[in-house]
């Protein structure tokens, strides 16, 4: 059974930082592209960042470029999202996802809440 478990969310003031973690189990982690998505209240889920198998390629949404960094540790079957210079509009539930391509994710975590106060 595949499990993706996010952690590291919380409440932070604007301009602050948070680091999200996602621990994967039940899959051969090295074979999967990993991504972070988010969903704000009343909005559709949106792509935030993605990273390929050996971290050779990383993609970011325009809204987070230069502020967020995605990374992975294949030895620990984990993916991370370092979020700096947080803004109130970054407030959302953040989800970890796994897939075989950057355009196809089919395993999802339960999400972790990030709230940025102004």
PDB file of N, CA and C in Angstrom:
ATOM      1  N   UNK A   1       0.846  -1.186   0.000  1.00  0.00           N
ATOM      2  CA  UNK A   1       0.000   0.000   0.000  1.00  0.00           C
ATOM      3  C   UNK A   1       0.891   1.250   0.000  1.00  0.00           C
ATOM      4  N   UNK A   2       0.639   2.144  -0.942  1.00  0.00           N
ATOM      5  CA  UNK A   2       1.420   3.372  -1.038  1.00  0.00           C
ATOM      6  C   UNK A   2       0.904   4.390  -0.020  1.00  0.00           C
ATOM      7  N   UNK A   3       1.835   4.978   0.697  1.00  0.00           N
ATOM      8  CA  UNK A   3       1.491   6.038   1.646  1.00  0.00           C
ATOM      9  C   UNK A   3       2.429   7.209   1.448  1.00  0.00           C
ATOM     10  N   UNK A   4       1.849   8.399   1.425  1.00  0.00           N
ATOM     11  CA  UNK A   4       2.604   9.646   1.397  1.00  0.00           C
ATOM     12  C   UNK A   4       2.137  10.451   2.605  1.00  0.00           C
ATOM     13  N   UNK A   5       3.056  10.784   3.489  1.00  0.00           N
ATOM     14  CA  UNK A   5       2.691  11.464   4.726  1.00  0.00           C
ATOM     15  C   UNK A   5       3.440  12.779   4.815  1.00  0.00           C
ATOM     16  N   UNK A   6       2.680  13.875   4.752  1.00  0.00           N
ATOM     17  CA  UNK A   6       3.261  15.210   4.839  1.00  0.00           C
ATOM     18  C   UNK A   6       3.378  15.664   6.290  1.00  0.00           C
ATOM     19  N   UNK A   7       4.334  16.532   6.531  1.00  0.00           N
ATOM     20  CA  UNK A   7       4.495  17.150   7.839  1.00  0.00           C
ATOM     21  C   UNK A   7       5.191  18.490   7.659  1.00  0.00           C
ATOM     22  N   UNK A   8       5.161  19.294   8.714  1.00  0.00           N
ATOM     23  CA  UNK A   8       5.887  20.559   8.690  1.00  0.00           C
ATOM     24  C   UNK A   8       5.037  21.787   8.479  1.00  0.00           C
ATOM     25  N   UNK A   9       3.748  21.613   8.253  1.00  0.00           N
ATOM     26  CA  UNK A   9       2.882  22.774   8.096  1.00  0.00           C
ATOM     27  C   UNK A   9       2.692  23.501   9.422  1.00  0.00           C
ATOM     28  N   UNK A  10       2.056  24.670   9.329  1.00  0.00           N
ATOM     29  CA  UNK A  10       1.807  25.428  10.543  1.00  0.00           C
ATOM     30  C   UNK A  10       1.442  26.854  10.232  1.00  0.00           C
ATOM     31  N   UNK A  11       1.490  27.671  11.281  1.00  0.00           N
ATOM     32  CA  UNK A  11       1.167  29.093  11.176  1.00  0.00           C
ATOM     33  C   UNK A  11       2.461  29.893  11.213  1.00  0.00           C
ATOM     34  N   UNK A  12       2.617  30.804  10.260  1.00  0.00           N
ATOM     35  CA  UNK A  12       3.827  31.612  10.192  1.00  0.00           C
ATOM     36  C   UNK A  12       3.442  33.019   9.738  1.00  0.00           C
ATOM     37  N   UNK A  13       4.218  33.989  10.144  1.00  0.00           N
ATOM     38  CA  UNK A  13       3.968  35.360   9.709  1.00  0.00           C
ATOM     39  C   UNK A  13       4.510  35.574   8.303  1.00  0.00           C
ATOM     40  N   UNK A  14       3.928  36.535   7.615  1.00  0.00           N
ATOM     41  CA  UNK A  14       4.412  36.891   6.286  1.00  0.00           C
ATOM     42  C   UNK A  14       5.905  37.218   6.344  1.00  0.00           C
ATOM     43  N   UNK A  15       6.632  36.722   5.347  1.00  0.00           N
ATOM     44  CA  UNK A  15       8.071  36.890   5.322  1.00  0.00           C
ATOM     45  C   UNK A  15       8.836  35.757   5.967  1.00  0.00           C
ATOM     46  N   UNK A  16       8.129  34.894   6.662  1.00  0.00           N
ATOM     47  CA  UNK A  16       8.772  33.781   7.343  1.00  0.00           C
ATOM     48  C   UNK A  16       9.004  32.585   6.433  1.00  0.00           C
ATOM     49  N   UNK A  17       9.467  31.501   7.052  1.00  0.00           N
ATOM     50  CA  UNK A  17       9.814  30.292   6.307  1.00  0.00           C
ATOM     51  C   UNK A  17       9.214  29.059   6.964  1.00  0.00           C
ATOM     52  N   UNK A  18       8.974  28.058   6.144  1.00  0.00           N
ATOM     53  CA  UNK A  18       8.570  26.733   6.611  1.00  0.00           C
ATOM     54  C   UNK A  18       9.213  25.703   5.699  1.00  0.00           C
ATOM     55  N   UNK A  19       9.439  24.524   6.240  1.00  0.00           N
ATOM     56  CA  UNK A  19       9.946  23.416   5.440  1.00  0.00           C
ATOM     57  C   UNK A  19       8.979  22.255   5.574  1.00  0.00           C
ATOM     58  N   UNK A  20       8.383  21.873   4.458  1.00  0.00           N
ATOM     59  CA  UNK A  20       7.486  20.732   4.432  1.00  0.00           C
ATOM     60  C   UNK A  20       8.278  19.473   4.085  1.00  0.00           C
ATOM     61  N   UNK A  21       7.859  18.375   4.689  1.00  0.00           N
ATOM     62  CA  UNK A  21       8.458  17.080   4.395  1.00  0.00           C
ATOM     63  C   UNK A  21       7.363  16.107   3.973  1.00  0.00           C
ATOM     64  N   UNK A  22       7.748  15.148   3.156  1.00  0.00           N
ATOM     65  CA  UNK A  22       6.820  14.101   2.738  1.00  0.00           C
ATOM     66  C   UNK A  22       7.583  12.784   2.744  1.00  0.00           C
ATOM     67  N   UNK A  23       7.129  11.865   3.578  1.00  0.00           N
ATOM     68  CA  UNK A  23       7.744  10.548   3.664  1.00  0.00           C
ATOM     69  C   UNK A  23       6.902   9.550   2.886  1.00  0.00           C
ATOM     70  N   UNK A  24       7.544   8.834   1.975  1.00  0.00           N
ATOM     71  CA  UNK A  24       6.838   7.876   1.126  1.00  0.00           C
ATOM     72  C   UNK A  24       7.156   6.449   1.552  1.00  0.00           C
ATOM     73  N   UNK A  25       6.173   5.576   1.406  1.00  0.00           N
ATOM     74  CA  UNK A  25       6.370   4.160   1.661  1.00  0.00           C
ATOM     75  C   UNK A  25       5.485   3.363   0.724  1.00  0.00           C
ATOM     76  N   UNK A  26       5.855   2.093   0.518  1.00  0.00           N
ATOM     77  CA  UNK A  26       5.042   1.231  -0.323  1.00  0.00           C
ATOM     78  C   UNK A  26       5.274   1.398  -1.811  1.00  0.00           C
ATOM     79  N   UNK A  27       6.320   2.123  -2.196  1.00  0.00           N
ATOM     80  CA  UNK A  27       6.657   2.288  -3.610  1.00  0.00           C
ATOM     81  C   UNK A  27       8.166   2.381  -3.752  1.00  0.00           C
ATOM     82  N   UNK A  28       8.650   2.102  -4.955  1.00  0.00           N
ATOM     83  CA  UNK A  28      10.077   2.243  -5.229  1.00  0.00           C
ATOM     84  C   UNK A  28      10.320   3.718  -5.511  1.00  0.00           C
ATOM     85  N   UNK A  29      10.727   4.421  -4.491  1.00  0.00           N
ATOM     86  CA  UNK A  29      10.737   5.883  -4.518  1.00  0.00           C
ATOM     87  C   UNK A  29      11.549   6.439  -5.679  1.00  0.00           C
ATOM     88  N   UNK A  30      12.682   5.808  -5.952  1.00  0.00           N
ATOM     89  CA  UNK A  30      13.566   6.303  -7.011  1.00  0.00           C
ATOM     90  C   UNK A  30      12.890   6.320  -8.383  1.00  0.00           C
ATOM     91  N   UNK A  31      11.826   5.537  -8.551  1.00  0.00           N
ATOM     92  CA  UNK A  31      11.163   5.423  -9.850  1.00  0.00           C
ATOM     93  C   UNK A  31      10.109   6.492 -10.084  1.00  0.00           C
ATOM     94  N   UNK A  32       9.894   7.349  -9.088  1.00  0.00           N
ATOM     95  CA  UNK A  32       8.772   8.280  -9.158  1.00  0.00           C
ATOM     96  C   UNK A  32       9.221   9.734  -9.210  1.00  0.00           C
ATOM     97  N   UNK A  33       8.527  10.477 -10.045  1.00  0.00           N
ATOM     98  CA  UNK A  33       8.569  11.933  -9.988  1.00  0.00           C
ATOM     99  C   UNK A  33       7.744  12.357  -8.785  1.00  0.00           C
ATOM    100  N   UNK A  34       8.228  13.329  -8.058  1.00  0.00           N
ATOM    101  CA  UNK A  34       7.517  13.801  -6.872  1.00  0.00           C
ATOM    102  C   UNK A  34       7.115  15.254  -7.060  1.00  0.00           C
ATOM    103  N   UNK A  35       5.981  15.591  -6.485  1.00  0.00           N
ATOM    104  CA  UNK A  35       5.505  16.963  -6.628  1.00  0.00           C
ATOM    105  C   UNK A  35       4.809  17.457  -5.377  1.00  0.00           C
ATOM    106  N   UNK A  36       4.677  18.769  -5.321  1.00  0.00           N
ATOM    107  CA  UNK A  36       3.890  19.434  -4.288  1.00  0.00           C
ATOM    108  C   UNK A  36       2.779  20.228  -4.982  1.00  0.00           C
ATOM    109  N   UNK A  37       1.591  20.118  -4.432  1.00  0.00           N
ATOM    110  CA  UNK A  37       0.441  20.865  -4.893  1.00  0.00           C
ATOM    111  C   UNK A  37      -0.161  21.577  -3.689  1.00  0.00           C
ATOM    112  N   UNK A  38      -1.039  22.531  -3.961  1.00  0.00           N
ATOM    113  CA  UNK A  38      -1.736  23.196  -2.862  1.00  0.00           C
ATOM    114  C   UNK A  38      -3.147  23.547  -3.275  1.00  0.00           C
ATOM    115  N   UNK A  39      -4.000  23.659  -2.261  1.00  0.00           N
ATOM    116  CA  UNK A  39      -5.388  24.042  -2.500  1.00  0.00           C
ATOM    117  C   UNK A  39      -5.816  25.023  -1.425  1.00  0.00           C
ATOM    118  N   UNK A  40      -6.157  26.227  -1.868  1.00  0.00           N
ATOM    119  CA  UNK A  40      -6.652  27.254  -0.962  1.00  0.00           C
ATOM    120  C   UNK A  40      -8.167  27.166  -0.886  1.00  0.00           C
ATOM    121  N   UNK A  41      -8.769  27.676   0.189  1.00  0.00           N
ATOM    122  CA  UNK A  41     -10.226  27.629   0.326  1.00  0.00           C
ATOM    123  C   UNK A  41     -10.927  28.254  -0.872  1.00  0.00           C
ATOM    124  N   UNK A  42     -11.877  27.525  -1.440  1.00  0.00           N
ATOM    125  CA  UNK A  42     -12.644  28.038  -2.555  1.00  0.00           C
ATOM    126  C   UNK A  42     -11.939  28.020  -3.890  1.00  0.00           C
ATOM    127  N   UNK A  43     -10.729  27.455  -3.926  1.00  0.00           N
ATOM    128  CA  UNK A  43      -9.963  27.421  -5.174  1.00  0.00           C
ATOM    129  C   UNK A  43      -9.632  25.989  -5.557  1.00  0.00           C
ATOM    130  N   UNK A  44      -9.271  25.811  -6.818  1.00  0.00           N
ATOM    131  CA  UNK A  44      -8.877  24.488  -7.280  1.00  0.00           C
ATOM    132  C   UNK A  44      -7.446  24.180  -6.837  1.00  0.00           C
ATOM    133  N   UNK A  45      -7.160  22.911  -6.760  1.00  0.00           N
ATOM    134  CA  UNK A  45      -5.793  22.498  -6.442  1.00  0.00           C
ATOM    135  C   UNK A  45      -4.860  22.933  -7.566  1.00  0.00           C
ATOM    136  N   UNK A  46      -3.676  23.420  -7.192  1.00  0.00           N
ATOM    137  CA  UNK A  46      -2.726  23.893  -8.189  1.00  0.00           C
ATOM    138  C   UNK A  46      -1.342  23.309  -7.950  1.00  0.00           C
ATOM    139  N   UNK A  47      -0.613  23.174  -9.033  1.00  0.00           N
ATOM    140  CA  UNK A  47       0.755  22.683  -8.980  1.00  0.00           C
ATOM    141  C   UNK A  47       1.651  23.733  -8.343  1.00  0.00           C
ATOM    142  N   UNK A  48       2.567  23.280  -7.487  1.00  0.00           N
ATOM    143  CA  UNK A  48       3.530  24.173  -6.852  1.00  0.00           C
ATOM    144  C   UNK A  48       4.948  23.894  -7.357  1.00  0.00           C
ATOM    145  N   UNK A  49       5.358  22.635  -7.264  1.00  0.00           N
ATOM    146  CA  UNK A  49       6.724  22.277  -7.662  1.00  0.00           C
ATOM    147  C   UNK A  49       6.811  20.794  -7.941  1.00  0.00           C
ATOM    148  N   UNK A  50       7.748  20.416  -8.820  1.00  0.00           N
ATOM    149  CA  UNK A  50       7.965  19.012  -9.129  1.00  0.00           C
ATOM    150  C   UNK A  50       9.451  18.733  -9.298  1.00  0.00           C
ATOM    151  N   UNK A  51       9.819  17.480  -9.069  1.00  0.00           N
ATOM    152  CA  UNK A  51      11.223  17.100  -9.149  1.00  0.00           C
ATOM    153  C   UNK A  51      11.311  15.702  -9.732  1.00  0.00           C
ATOM    154  N   UNK A  52      12.243  15.510 -10.668  1.00  0.00           N
ATOM    155  CA  UNK A  52      12.371  14.210 -11.301  1.00  0.00           C
ATOM    156  C   UNK A  52      13.191  13.241 -10.447  1.00  0.00           C
ATOM    157  N   UNK A  53      13.371  12.053 -10.956  1.00  0.00           N
ATOM    158  CA  UNK A  53      13.854  10.922 -10.185  1.00  0.00           C
ATOM    159  C   UNK A  53      15.195  11.189  -9.492  1.00  0.00           C
ATOM    160  N   UNK A  54      16.119  11.788 -10.249  1.00  0.00           N
ATOM    161  CA  UNK A  54      17.442  12.042  -9.671  1.00  0.00           C
ATOM    162  C   UNK A  54      17.649  13.525  -9.403  1.00  0.00           C
ATOM    163  N   UNK A  55      16.550  14.254  -9.326  1.00  0.00           N
ATOM    164  CA  UNK A  55      16.589  15.706  -9.079  1.00  0.00           C
ATOM    165  C   UNK A  55      17.283  16.453 -10.205  1.00  0.00           C
ATOM    166  N   UNK A  56      17.374  15.826 -11.387  1.00  0.00           N
ATOM    167  CA  UNK A  56      18.006  16.496 -12.501  1.00  0.00           C
ATOM    168  C   UNK A  56      17.148  17.602 -13.088  1.00  0.00           C
ATOM    169  N   UNK A  57      15.857  17.571 -12.808  1.00  0.00           N
ATOM    170  CA  UNK A  57      14.953  18.579 -13.354  1.00  0.00           C
ATOM    171  C   UNK A  57      13.957  18.971 -12.274  1.00  0.00           C
ATOM    172  N   UNK A  58      13.788  20.254 -12.104  1.00  0.00           N
ATOM    173  CA  UNK A  58      12.825  20.779 -11.130  1.00  0.00           C
ATOM    174  C   UNK A  58      11.972  21.847 -11.811  1.00  0.00           C
ATOM    175  N   UNK A  59      10.691  21.786 -11.572  1.00  0.00           N
ATOM    176  CA  UNK A  59       9.760  22.775 -12.127  1.00  0.00           C
ATOM    177  C   UNK A  59       9.036  23.482 -10.995  1.00  0.00           C
ATOM    178  N   UNK A  60       8.719  24.742 -11.234  1.00  0.00           N
ATOM    179  CA  UNK A  60       8.012  25.525 -10.220  1.00  0.00           C
ATOM    180  C   UNK A  60       6.889  26.325 -10.865  1.00  0.00           C
ATOM    181  N   UNK A  61       5.840  26.530 -10.099  1.00  0.00           N
ATOM    182  CA  UNK A  61       4.821  27.490 -10.513  1.00  0.00           C
ATOM    183  C   UNK A  61       5.433  28.885 -10.489  1.00  0.00           C
ATOM    184  N   UNK A  62       4.987  29.733 -11.403  1.00  0.00           N
ATOM    185  CA  UNK A  62       5.536  31.094 -11.456  1.00  0.00           C
ATOM    186  C   UNK A  62       5.366  31.829 -10.126  1.00  0.00           C
ATOM    187  N   UNK A  63       4.289  31.536  -9.434  1.00  0.00           N
ATOM    188  CA  UNK A  63       3.983  32.248  -8.183  1.00  0.00           C
ATOM    189  C   UNK A  63       4.966  31.942  -7.059  1.00  0.00           C
ATOM    190  N   UNK A  64       5.739  30.872  -7.179  1.00  0.00           N
ATOM    191  CA  UNK A  64       6.654  30.504  -6.091  1.00  0.00           C
ATOM    192  C   UNK A  64       8.122  30.515  -6.518  1.00  0.00           C
ATOM    193  N   UNK A  65       8.393  30.760  -7.786  1.00  0.00           N
ATOM    194  CA  UNK A  65       9.777  30.753  -8.262  1.00  0.00           C
ATOM    195  C   UNK A  65      10.614  31.760  -7.495  1.00  0.00           C
ATOM    196  N   UNK A  66      11.786  31.328  -7.085  1.00  0.00           N
ATOM    197  CA  UNK A  66      12.685  32.196  -6.342  1.00  0.00           C
ATOM    198  C   UNK A  66      12.430  32.204  -4.854  1.00  0.00           C
ATOM    199  N   UNK A  67      11.311  31.648  -4.418  1.00  0.00           N
ATOM    200  CA  UNK A  67      10.981  31.612  -2.991  1.00  0.00           C
ATOM    201  C   UNK A  67      10.932  30.184  -2.442  1.00  0.00           C
ATOM    202  N   UNK A  68      10.479  29.240  -3.253  1.00  0.00           N
ATOM    203  CA  UNK A  68      10.340  27.846  -2.822  1.00  0.00           C
ATOM    204  C   UNK A  68      11.408  26.998  -3.509  1.00  0.00           C
ATOM    205  N   UNK A  69      11.856  25.969  -2.798  1.00  0.00           N
ATOM    206  CA  UNK A  69      12.820  25.023  -3.359  1.00  0.00           C
ATOM    207  C   UNK A  69      12.377  23.603  -3.037  1.00  0.00           C
ATOM    208  N   UNK A  70      12.257  22.791  -4.076  1.00  0.00           N
ATOM    209  CA  UNK A  70      11.917  21.376  -3.882  1.00  0.00           C
ATOM    210  C   UNK A  70      13.195  20.558  -3.915  1.00  0.00           C
ATOM    211  N   UNK A  71      13.267  19.546  -3.069  1.00  0.00           N
ATOM    212  CA  UNK A  71      14.420  18.649  -3.048  1.00  0.00           C
ATOM    213  C   UNK A  71      13.949  17.261  -2.643  1.00  0.00           C
ATOM    214  N   UNK A  72      14.818  16.292  -2.832  1.00  0.00           N
ATOM    215  CA  UNK A  72      14.458  14.929  -2.458  1.00  0.00           C
ATOM    216  C   UNK A  72      15.686  14.197  -1.940  1.00  0.00           C
ATOM    217  N   UNK A  73      15.421  13.206  -1.091  1.00  0.00           N
ATOM    218  CA  UNK A  73      16.457  12.332  -0.565  1.00  0.00           C
ATOM    219  C   UNK A  73      15.997  10.911  -0.846  1.00  0.00           C
ATOM    220  N   UNK A  74      16.526  10.315  -1.898  1.00  0.00           N
ATOM    221  CA  UNK A  74      16.072   8.985  -2.295  1.00  0.00           C
ATOM    222  C   UNK A  74      16.407   7.933  -1.243  1.00  0.00           C
ATOM    223  N   UNK A  75      17.478   8.123  -0.507  1.00  0.00           N
ATOM    224  CA  UNK A  75      17.853   7.175   0.538  1.00  0.00           C
ATOM    225  C   UNK A  75      16.818   7.154   1.666  1.00  0.00           C
ATOM    226  N   UNK A  76      16.144   8.277   1.850  1.00  0.00           N
ATOM    227  CA  UNK A  76      15.125   8.373   2.901  1.00  0.00           C
ATOM    228  C   UNK A  76      13.706   8.318   2.346  1.00  0.00           C
ATOM    229  N   UNK A  77      13.576   8.118   1.033  1.00  0.00           N
ATOM    230  CA  UNK A  77      12.253   8.102   0.394  1.00  0.00           C
ATOM    231  C   UNK A  77      11.436   9.322   0.792  1.00  0.00           C
ATOM    232  N   UNK A  78      12.071  10.459   0.718  1.00  0.00           N
ATOM    233  CA  UNK A  78      11.420  11.694   1.170  1.00  0.00           C
ATOM    234  C   UNK A  78      11.623  12.827   0.171  1.00  0.00           C
ATOM    235  N   UNK A  79      10.644  13.697   0.148  1.00  0.00           N
ATOM    236  CA  UNK A  79      10.714  14.910  -0.663  1.00  0.00           C
ATOM    237  C   UNK A  79      10.395  16.092   0.241  1.00  0.00           C
ATOM    238  N   UNK A  80      11.009  17.238  -0.057  1.00  0.00           N
ATOM    239  CA  UNK A  80      10.894  18.397   0.812  1.00  0.00           C
ATOM    240  C   UNK A  80      10.496  19.628   0.005  1.00  0.00           C
ATOM    241  N   UNK A  81       9.905  20.579   0.685  1.00  0.00           N
ATOM    242  CA  UNK A  81       9.600  21.866   0.071  1.00  0.00           C
ATOM    243  C   UNK A  81      10.017  22.953   1.058  1.00  0.00           C
ATOM    244  N   UNK A  82      11.106  23.635   0.727  1.00  0.00           N
ATOM    245  CA  UNK A  82      11.550  24.763   1.537  1.00  0.00           C
ATOM    246  C   UNK A  82      10.841  26.008   1.027  1.00  0.00           C
ATOM    247  N   UNK A  83      10.109  26.647   1.908  1.00  0.00           N
ATOM    248  CA  UNK A  83       9.307  27.813   1.529  1.00  0.00           C
ATOM    249  C   UNK A  83       9.817  29.036   2.283  1.00  0.00           C
ATOM    250  N   UNK A  84      10.340  29.991   1.542  1.00  0.00           N
ATOM    251  CA  UNK A  84      10.856  31.235   2.121  1.00  0.00           C
ATOM    252  C   UNK A  84      10.019  32.420   1.663  1.00  0.00           C
ATOM    253  N   UNK A  85      10.177  33.520   2.351  1.00  0.00           N
ATOM    254  CA  UNK A  85       9.460  34.759   1.993  1.00  0.00           C
ATOM    255  C   UNK A  85       7.975  34.495   1.791  1.00  0.00           C
ATOM    256  N   UNK A  86       7.396  33.804   2.727  1.00  0.00           N
ATOM    257  CA  UNK A  86       5.988  33.408   2.598  1.00  0.00           C
ATOM    258  C   UNK A  86       5.064  34.608   2.581  1.00  0.00           C
ATOM    259  N   UNK A  87       3.994  34.478   1.822  1.00  0.00           N
ATOM    260  CA  UNK A  87       2.992  35.524   1.663  1.00  0.00           C
ATOM    261  C   UNK A  87       1.635  34.987   2.110  1.00  0.00           C
ATOM    262  N   UNK A  88       0.726  35.872   2.507  1.00  0.00           N
ATOM    263  CA  UNK A  88      -0.619  35.398   2.886  1.00  0.00           C
ATOM    264  C   UNK A  88      -1.279  34.576   1.779  1.00  0.00           C
ATOM    265  N   UNK A  89      -1.007  34.879   0.538  1.00  0.00           N
ATOM    266  CA  UNK A  89      -1.609  34.121  -0.561  1.00  0.00           C
ATOM    267  C   UNK A  89      -1.031  32.720  -0.715  1.00  0.00           C
ATOM    268  N   UNK A  90      -0.009  32.393   0.043  1.00  0.00           N
ATOM    269  CA  UNK A  90       0.509  31.017   0.067  1.00  0.00           C
ATOM    270  C   UNK A  90      -0.297  30.120   1.014  1.00  0.00           C
ATOM    271  N   UNK A  91      -1.224  30.711   1.740  1.00  0.00           N
ATOM    272  CA  UNK A  91      -2.055  29.934   2.661  1.00  0.00           C
ATOM    273  C   UNK A  91      -2.875  28.901   1.898  1.00  0.00           C
ATOM    274  N   UNK A  92      -2.734  27.643   2.296  1.00  0.00           N
ATOM    275  CA  UNK A  92      -3.414  26.547   1.600  1.00  0.00           C
ATOM    276  C   UNK A  92      -3.108  25.247   2.317  1.00  0.00           C
ATOM    277  N   UNK A  93      -3.805  24.204   1.906  1.00  0.00           N
ATOM    278  CA  UNK A  93      -3.406  22.851   2.275  1.00  0.00           C
ATOM    279  C   UNK A  93      -2.428  22.381   1.204  1.00  0.00           C
ATOM    280  N   UNK A  94      -1.275  21.911   1.646  1.00  0.00           N
ATOM    281  CA  UNK A  94      -0.221  21.471   0.734  1.00  0.00           C
ATOM    282  C   UNK A  94      -0.201  19.944   0.682  1.00  0.00           C
ATOM    283  N   UNK A  95      -0.177  19.429  -0.543  1.00  0.00           N
ATOM    284  CA  UNK A  95      -0.216  17.988  -0.771  1.00  0.00           C
ATOM    285  C   UNK A  95       1.050  17.518  -1.479  1.00  0.00           C
ATOM    286  N   UNK A  96       1.527  16.397  -1.036  1.00  0.00           N
ATOM    287  CA  UNK A  96       2.617  15.695  -1.696  1.00  0.00           C
ATOM    288  C   UNK A  96       2.010  14.702  -2.680  1.00  0.00           C
ATOM    289  N   UNK A  97       2.681  14.510  -3.826  1.00  0.00           N
ATOM    290  CA  UNK A  97       2.156  13.598  -4.832  1.00  0.00           C
ATOM    291  C   UNK A  97       3.292  12.857  -5.517  1.00  0.00           C
ATOM    292  N   UNK A  98       2.977  11.660  -6.016  1.00  0.00           N
ATOM    293  CA  UNK A  98       3.950  10.844  -6.739  1.00  0.00           C
ATOM    294  C   UNK A  98       3.364  10.410  -8.062  1.00  0.00           C
ATOM    295  N   UNK A  99       4.221  10.374  -9.076  1.00  0.00           N
ATOM    296  CA  UNK A  99       3.771   9.938 -10.386  1.00  0.00           C
ATOM    297  C   UNK A  99       4.944   9.486 -11.223  1.00  0.00           C
ATOM    298  N   UNK A 100       4.642   9.132 -12.464  1.00  0.00           N
ATOM    299  CA  UNK A 100       5.719   8.670 -13.333  1.00  0.00           C
ATOM    300  C   UNK A 100       6.170   9.735 -14.318  1.00  0.00           C
ATOM    301  N   UNK A 101       5.410  10.819 -14.421  1.00  0.00           N
ATOM    302  CA  UNK A 101       5.817  11.950 -15.243  1.00  0.00           C
ATOM    303  C   UNK A 101       5.435  13.232 -14.533  1.00  0.00           C
ATOM    304  N   UNK A 102       5.977  14.341 -14.986  1.00  0.00           N
ATOM    305  CA  UNK A 102       5.654  15.641 -14.395  1.00  0.00           C
ATOM    306  C   UNK A 102       4.193  16.022 -14.631  1.00  0.00           C
ATOM    307  N   UNK A 103       3.550  15.371 -15.600  1.00  0.00           N
ATOM    308  CA  UNK A 103       2.167  15.723 -15.896  1.00  0.00           C
ATOM    309  C   UNK A 103       1.173  14.685 -15.403  1.00  0.00           C
ATOM    310  N   UNK A 104       1.666  13.671 -14.708  1.00  0.00           N
ATOM    311  CA  UNK A 104       0.752  12.620 -14.254  1.00  0.00           C
ATOM    312  C   UNK A 104       1.079  12.132 -12.870  1.00  0.00           C
ATOM    313  N   UNK A 105       0.342  12.631 -11.868  1.00  0.00           N
ATOM    314  CA  UNK A 105       0.531  12.200 -10.486  1.00  0.00           C
ATOM    315  C   UNK A 105      -0.672  11.370 -10.079  1.00  0.00           C
ATOM    316  N   UNK A 106      -0.435  10.255  -9.410  1.00  0.00           N
ATOM    317  CA  UNK A 106      -1.591   9.435  -9.038  1.00  0.00           C
ATOM    318  C   UNK A 106      -1.554   8.885  -7.628  1.00  0.00           C
ATOM    319  N   UNK A 107      -0.543   9.219  -6.871  1.00  0.00           N
ATOM    320  CA  UNK A 107      -0.563   8.933  -5.437  1.00  0.00           C
ATOM    321  C   UNK A 107      -0.518  10.277  -4.707  1.00  0.00           C
ATOM    322  N   UNK A 108      -1.363  10.388  -3.686  1.00  0.00           N
ATOM    323  CA  UNK A 108      -1.488  11.660  -2.979  1.00  0.00           C
ATOM    324  C   UNK A 108      -1.428  11.459  -1.478  1.00  0.00           C
ATOM    325  N   UNK A 109      -0.856  12.443  -0.799  1.00  0.00           N
ATOM    326  CA  UNK A 109      -0.888  12.445   0.655  1.00  0.00           C
ATOM    327  C   UNK A 109      -2.176  13.081   1.153  1.00  0.00           C
ATOM    328  N   UNK A 110      -2.282  13.167   2.480  1.00  0.00           N
ATOM    329  CA  UNK A 110      -3.502  13.692   3.084  1.00  0.00           C
ATOM    330  C   UNK A 110      -3.475  15.200   3.233  1.00  0.00           C
ATOM    331  N   UNK A 111      -2.303  15.797   3.069  1.00  0.00           N
ATOM    332  CA  UNK A 111      -2.183  17.242   3.108  1.00  0.00           C
ATOM    333  C   UNK A 111      -1.747  17.777   4.458  1.00  0.00           C
ATOM    334  N   UNK A 112      -1.124  18.940   4.434  1.00  0.00           N
ATOM    335  CA  UNK A 112      -0.726  19.638   5.649  1.00  0.00           C
ATOM    336  C   UNK A 112      -1.066  21.119   5.472  1.00  0.00           C
ATOM    337  N   UNK A 113      -1.618  21.708   6.513  1.00  0.00           N
ATOM    338  CA  UNK A 113      -2.102  23.085   6.426  1.00  0.00           C
ATOM    339  C   UNK A 113      -0.951  24.068   6.622  1.00  0.00           C
ATOM    340  N   UNK A 114      -0.874  25.038   5.727  1.00  0.00           N
ATOM    341  CA  UNK A 114       0.057  26.153   5.868  1.00  0.00           C
ATOM    342  C   UNK A 114      -0.765  27.432   5.919  1.00  0.00           C
ATOM    343  N   UNK A 115      -0.585  28.195   6.978  1.00  0.00           N
ATOM    344  CA  UNK A 115      -1.301  29.456   7.134  1.00  0.00           C
ATOM    345  C   UNK A 115      -0.288  30.579   7.324  1.00  0.00           C
ATOM    346  N   UNK A 116      -0.378  31.587   6.473  1.00  0.00           N
ATOM    347  CA  UNK A 116       0.539  32.722   6.543  1.00  0.00           C
ATOM    348  C   UNK A 116      -0.264  33.953   6.942  1.00  0.00           C
ATOM    349  N   UNK A 117       0.070  34.513   8.074  1.00  0.00           N
ATOM    350  CA  UNK A 117      -0.657  35.691   8.567  1.00  0.00           C
ATOM    351  C   UNK A 117       0.028  36.971   8.099  1.00  0.00           C
ATOM    352  N   UNK A 118      -0.766  37.994   7.893  1.00  0.00           N
ATOM    353  CA  UNK A 118      -0.221  39.280   7.406  1.00  0.00           C
ATOM    354  C   UNK A 118       0.165  40.193   8.551  1.00  0.00           C
TER     355      UNK A 118
END
